[in-house]
Amino acid sequence: MTWINTNKSKLYKLVAEYIHLPIMKHTSFVEAPDHSIYILCWSATNGTSYRACYSIRRGVPILAIQITDVQNTSYKEMLVHELSIKHLEHRGMTKKVQRESKARRLLVREQMFFTSA
């Protein structure tokens, strides 16, 4: 079983292939407690905010880039890119899990850790 896995610098490099980014220190990185979605956020000087979401939908890894106008909080554009597992494995953005039952136990343990803090 393959899970998605990343960090800020790997996601930054992936997103940079699809859209212009500011320097890395001007972006913020959010990771869901269950490691199901990773988000990179940043804002432009023209009042536009961006949010790139890396996740799996229906078994396919995707990168969705949401572009929003901050002044009137309306969506300007949504760019969705399907990613190949081989490309992500080459970038080190996946991890192999031996058994599904072991993966579930690890997930429950992580959720308990995050909720008890």
C-alpha atoms as a PDB file:
ATOM      1  CA  MET A   1       0.000   0.000   0.000  1.00  0.00           C
ATOM      2  CA  THR A   2       1.311   3.455  -0.923  1.00  0.00           C
ATOM      3  CA  TRP A   3       0.559   6.614   1.023  1.00  0.00           C
ATOM      4  CA  ILE A   4       1.339  10.185   0.079  1.00  0.00           C
ATOM      5  CA  ASN A   5       3.969  11.841   2.218  1.00  0.00           C
ATOM      6  CA  THR A   6       5.797  15.149   1.845  1.00  0.00           C
ATOM      7  CA  ASN A   7       7.262  18.173   3.563  1.00  0.00           C
ATOM      8  CA  LYS A   8       7.293  21.883   2.791  1.00  0.00           C
ATOM      9  CA  SER A   9      10.355  21.915   0.541  1.00  0.00           C
ATOM     10  CA  LYS A  10       9.226  18.921  -1.560  1.00  0.00           C
ATOM     11  CA  LEU A  11       5.731  20.351  -2.018  1.00  0.00           C
ATOM     12  CA  TYR A  12       7.188  23.774  -2.840  1.00  0.00           C
ATOM     13  CA  LYS A  13       9.329  22.263  -5.628  1.00  0.00           C
ATOM     14  CA  LEU A  14       6.361  20.321  -7.014  1.00  0.00           C
ATOM     15  CA  VAL A  15       4.062  23.369  -7.061  1.00  0.00           C
ATOM     16  CA  ALA A  16       6.822  25.466  -8.681  1.00  0.00           C
ATOM     17  CA  GLU A  17       6.545  23.240 -11.764  1.00  0.00           C
ATOM     18  CA  TYR A  18       2.986  24.501 -12.320  1.00  0.00           C
ATOM     19  CA  ILE A  19       2.852  28.093 -11.056  1.00  0.00           C
ATOM     20  CA  HIS A  20       5.202  30.939 -10.076  1.00  0.00           C
ATOM     21  CA  LEU A  21       5.923  31.018  -6.324  1.00  0.00           C
ATOM     22  CA  PRO A  22       7.452  33.582  -3.972  1.00  0.00           C
ATOM     23  CA  ILE A  23      10.515  32.533  -2.002  1.00  0.00           C
ATOM     24  CA  MET A  24       9.845  29.630   0.351  1.00  0.00           C
ATOM     25  CA  LYS A  25       9.897  31.655   3.572  1.00  0.00           C
ATOM     26  CA  HIS A  26       6.856  33.606   2.293  1.00  0.00           C
ATOM     27  CA  THR A  27       4.751  30.443   2.103  1.00  0.00           C
ATOM     28  CA  SER A  28       3.061  28.471   4.852  1.00  0.00           C
ATOM     29  CA  PHE A  29       2.699  24.696   5.050  1.00  0.00           C
ATOM     30  CA  VAL A  30      -0.198  22.816   6.651  1.00  0.00           C
ATOM     31  CA  GLU A  31      -0.436  19.060   7.103  1.00  0.00           C
ATOM     32  CA  ALA A  32      -3.620  17.230   8.098  1.00  0.00           C
ATOM     33  CA  PRO A  33      -3.205  15.120  11.266  1.00  0.00           C
ATOM     34  CA  ASP A  34      -4.007  11.947   9.327  1.00  0.00           C
ATOM     35  CA  HIS A  35      -1.508  12.851   6.545  1.00  0.00           C
ATOM     36  CA  SER A  36      -4.275  12.719   3.922  1.00  0.00           C
ATOM     37  CA  ILE A  37      -3.740  16.253   2.601  1.00  0.00           C
ATOM     38  CA  TYR A  38      -0.859  18.725   2.482  1.00  0.00           C
ATOM     39  CA  ILE A  39      -1.415  22.423   1.774  1.00  0.00           C
ATOM     40  CA  LEU A  40       0.963  25.197   0.711  1.00  0.00           C
ATOM     41  CA  CYS A  41      -0.429  28.763   1.021  1.00  0.00           C
ATOM     42  CA  TRP A  42       0.896  32.123  -0.110  1.00  0.00           C
ATOM     43  CA  SER A  43      -0.304  35.594  -1.163  1.00  0.00           C
ATOM     44  CA  ALA A  44       0.698  37.879  -4.001  1.00  0.00           C
ATOM     45  CA  THR A  45       1.154  41.627  -3.779  1.00  0.00           C
ATOM     46  CA  ASN A  46      -1.864  42.206  -6.067  1.00  0.00           C
ATOM     47  CA  GLY A  47      -4.315  40.910  -3.435  1.00  0.00           C
ATOM     48  CA  THR A  48      -4.534  37.351  -4.722  1.00  0.00           C
ATOM     49  CA  SER A  49      -4.143  34.363  -2.414  1.00  0.00           C
ATOM     50  CA  TYR A  50      -3.102  30.887  -3.481  1.00  0.00           C
ATOM     51  CA  ARG A  51      -3.580  27.487  -1.914  1.00  0.00           C
ATOM     52  CA  ALA A  52      -2.016  24.335  -3.381  1.00  0.00           C
ATOM     53  CA  CYS A  53      -3.463  21.063  -2.041  1.00  0.00           C
ATOM     54  CA  TYR A  54      -1.664  17.750  -2.527  1.00  0.00           C
ATOM     55  CA  SER A  55      -3.875  14.726  -1.815  1.00  0.00           C
ATOM     56  CA  ILE A  56      -5.371  11.561  -3.249  1.00  0.00           C
ATOM     57  CA  ARG A  57      -8.879  11.557  -4.678  1.00  0.00           C
ATOM     58  CA  ARG A  58     -10.448   8.296  -5.884  1.00  0.00           C
ATOM     59  CA  GLY A  59      -7.041   6.618  -5.810  1.00  0.00           C
ATOM     60  CA  VAL A  60      -5.343   9.255  -7.975  1.00  0.00           C
ATOM     61  CA  PRO A  61      -2.777  11.706  -6.552  1.00  0.00           C
ATOM     62  CA  ILE A  62      -3.710  15.273  -7.430  1.00  0.00           C
ATOM     63  CA  LEU A  63      -2.358  18.760  -7.000  1.00  0.00           C
ATOM     64  CA  ALA A  64      -5.147  21.353  -6.891  1.00  0.00           C
ATOM     65  CA  ILE A  65      -4.163  25.023  -6.958  1.00  0.00           C
ATOM     66  CA  GLN A  66      -6.897  27.418  -5.827  1.00  0.00           C
ATOM     67  CA  ILE A  67      -6.528  31.080  -6.784  1.00  0.00           C
ATOM     68  CA  THR A  68      -8.723  33.503  -4.814  1.00  0.00           C
ATOM     69  CA  ASP A  69      -9.243  37.249  -4.997  1.00  0.00           C
ATOM     70  CA  VAL A  70      -8.881  38.427  -1.388  1.00  0.00           C
ATOM     71  CA  GLN A  71     -10.766  41.706  -1.862  1.00  0.00           C
ATOM     72  CA  ASN A  72     -14.082  40.145  -2.824  1.00  0.00           C
ATOM     73  CA  THR A  73     -13.292  36.576  -1.649  1.00  0.00           C
ATOM     74  CA  SER A  74     -14.270  34.988  -4.939  1.00  0.00           C
ATOM     75  CA  TYR A  75     -12.522  32.178  -6.758  1.00  0.00           C
ATOM     76  CA  LYS A  76     -10.579  33.334  -9.748  1.00  0.00           C
ATOM     77  CA  GLU A  77      -9.389  29.941 -10.884  1.00  0.00           C
ATOM     78  CA  MET A  78      -8.898  26.315  -9.843  1.00  0.00           C
ATOM     79  CA  LEU A  79      -6.096  24.363 -11.513  1.00  0.00           C
ATOM     80  CA  VAL A  80      -6.161  20.596 -10.994  1.00  0.00           C
ATOM     81  CA  HIS A  81      -3.275  18.364 -12.063  1.00  0.00           C
ATOM     82  CA  GLU A  82      -3.272  14.567 -11.918  1.00  0.00           C
ATOM     83  CA  LEU A  83       0.123  13.266 -10.814  1.00  0.00           C
ATOM     84  CA  SER A  84       1.732   9.922 -11.575  1.00  0.00           C
ATOM     85  CA  ILE A  85       2.808   7.644  -8.734  1.00  0.00           C
ATOM     86  CA  LYS A  86       6.177   7.028 -10.438  1.00  0.00           C
ATOM     87  CA  HIS A  87       6.851  10.767 -10.620  1.00  0.00           C
ATOM     88  CA  LEU A  88       5.984  11.158  -6.922  1.00  0.00           C
ATOM     89  CA  GLU A  89       8.072   8.126  -5.908  1.00  0.00           C
ATOM     90  CA  HIS A  90      11.041   9.613  -7.760  1.00  0.00           C
ATOM     91  CA  ARG A  91      10.568  12.852  -5.779  1.00  0.00           C
ATOM     92  CA  GLY A  92      10.262  10.987  -2.457  1.00  0.00           C
ATOM     93  CA  MET A  93       6.664  12.122  -1.956  1.00  0.00           C
ATOM     94  CA  THR A  94       5.184   8.694  -1.181  1.00  0.00           C
ATOM     95  CA  LYS A  95       5.793   6.053   1.426  1.00  0.00           C
ATOM     96  CA  LYS A  96       5.148   2.325   1.385  1.00  0.00           C
ATOM     97  CA  VAL A  97       3.161   0.721   4.203  1.00  0.00           C
ATOM     98  CA  GLN A  98       3.495  -3.030   4.746  1.00  0.00           C
ATOM     99  CA  ARG A  99      -0.041  -3.969   5.692  1.00  0.00           C
ATOM    100  CA  GLU A 100      -3.253  -2.049   5.746  1.00  0.00           C
ATOM    101  CA  SER A 101      -4.023  -3.113   9.326  1.00  0.00           C
ATOM    102  CA  LYS A 102      -0.633  -1.828  10.481  1.00  0.00           C
ATOM    103  CA  ALA A 103      -1.269   1.417   8.621  1.00  0.00           C
ATOM    104  CA  ARG A 104      -4.606   1.851  10.375  1.00  0.00           C
ATOM    105  CA  ARG A 105      -3.034   1.278  13.796  1.00  0.00           C
ATOM    106  CA  LEU A 106      -0.370   3.882  13.030  1.00  0.00           C
ATOM    107  CA  LEU A 107      -3.035   6.306  11.864  1.00  0.00           C
ATOM    108  CA  VAL A 108      -5.118   5.831  15.025  1.00  0.00           C
ATOM    109  CA  ARG A 109      -2.008   6.259  17.184  1.00  0.00           C
ATOM    110  CA  GLU A 110      -1.108   9.511  15.363  1.00  0.00           C
ATOM    111  CA  GLN A 111      -4.658  10.830  15.728  1.00  0.00           C
ATOM    112  CA  MET A 112      -4.569  10.073  19.462  1.00  0.00           C
ATOM    113  CA  PHE A 113      -1.239  11.901  19.726  1.00  0.00           C
ATOM    114  CA  PHE A 114      -2.531  14.994  17.938  1.00  0.00           C
ATOM    115  CA  THR A 115      -5.804  15.159  19.876  1.00  0.00           C
ATOM    116  CA  SER A 116      -4.197  14.652  23.289  1.00  0.00           C
ATOM    117  CA  ALA A 117      -1.809  17.596  22.875  1.00  0.00           C
END
